[in-house]
């Protein structure tokens, strides 16, 4: 197995795990919290908003690590 195949495999597994985490930890509880269909759909859409916020925060922290990496290692 070459390096590109390994990278694609890791990326695919990460996507599946992230989807499963979103469904299990955010979408299902949001769906079960409301009685009406439109409220359930709104709850699921707002859970996507929470995932987007987590992505922005994680990306920002990652950029900070990259920016300050040479100062902390050297």
Protein backbone atom coordinates (compact mmCIF):
# COMPACT_ATOMS: atom_id res chain seq x y z
CA UNK A 1 0.00 0.00 0.00
CA UNK A 2 1.52 3.32 -1.04
CA UNK A 3 1.48 6.55 0.94
CA UNK A 4 -1.38 8.11 -1.00
CA UNK A 5 -3.63 5.12 -0.35
CA UNK A 6 -2.85 5.28 3.36
CA UNK A 7 -3.68 8.98 3.45
CA UNK A 8 -6.98 8.37 1.65
CA UNK A 9 -7.83 5.51 4.00
CA UNK A 10 -7.12 7.62 7.09
CA UNK A 11 -9.14 10.52 5.66
CA UNK A 12 -12.08 8.25 4.85
CA UNK A 13 -12.06 6.64 8.28
CA UNK A 14 -11.86 10.06 9.93
CA UNK A 15 -14.86 11.26 7.91
CA UNK A 16 -16.89 8.20 8.90
CA UNK A 17 -15.98 8.59 12.57
CA UNK A 18 -16.78 12.32 12.49
CA UNK A 19 -20.18 11.64 10.91
CA UNK A 20 -20.92 8.94 13.48
CA UNK A 21 -19.93 11.29 16.31
CA UNK A 22 -22.17 14.06 14.96
CA UNK A 23 -25.11 11.70 14.61
CA UNK A 24 -24.64 10.07 17.99
CA UNK A 25 -23.68 13.08 20.07
CA UNK A 26 -25.55 15.98 18.46
CA UNK A 27 -28.16 15.01 15.87
CA UNK A 28 -29.97 12.23 17.75
CA UNK A 29 -30.32 14.19 21.03
CA UNK A 30 -31.47 17.26 19.08
CA UNK A 31 -34.03 15.13 17.21
CA UNK A 32 -35.37 13.54 20.40
CA UNK A 33 -35.68 16.84 22.27
CA UNK A 34 -38.65 18.22 20.34
CA UNK A 35 -42.11 16.85 19.52
CA UNK A 36 -42.89 18.59 16.20
CA UNK A 37 -41.18 17.84 12.91
CA UNK A 38 -40.17 21.43 12.17
CA UNK A 39 -38.66 21.77 15.64
CA UNK A 40 -36.72 18.55 15.16
CA UNK A 41 -35.37 19.70 11.81
CA UNK A 42 -34.42 23.08 13.28
CA UNK A 43 -32.63 21.32 16.14
CA UNK A 44 -30.63 19.19 13.73
CA UNK A 45 -29.74 22.24 11.62
CA UNK A 46 -28.63 24.11 14.72
CA UNK A 47 -26.46 21.14 15.65
CA UNK A 48 -24.71 21.66 12.31
CA UNK A 49 -24.13 25.25 13.42
CA UNK A 50 -22.45 23.89 16.56
CA UNK A 51 -20.23 21.62 14.43
CA UNK A 52 -19.25 24.62 12.29
CA UNK A 53 -18.31 26.54 15.45
CA UNK A 54 -16.18 23.61 16.62
CA UNK A 55 -14.45 23.52 13.23
CA UNK A 56 -13.68 27.24 13.34
CA UNK A 57 -12.31 27.02 16.88
CA UNK A 58 -10.25 23.93 16.06
CA UNK A 59 -8.91 25.49 12.88
CA UNK A 60 -7.95 28.63 14.77
CA UNK A 61 -6.13 26.63 17.42
CA UNK A 62 -4.38 24.66 14.70
CA UNK A 63 -3.27 27.87 13.01
CA UNK A 64 -1.92 29.13 16.35
CA UNK A 65 0.10 25.95 16.77
CA UNK A 66 1.54 26.28 13.27
CA UNK A 67 2.27 29.99 13.78
CA UNK A 68 4.09 29.53 17.09
CA UNK A 69 5.65 26.10 16.39
CA UNK A 70 9.16 27.39 15.70
CA UNK A 71 9.13 29.43 18.93
CA UNK A 72 8.10 26.55 21.15
CA UNK A 73 10.29 23.79 19.71
CA UNK A 74 13.55 25.67 19.30
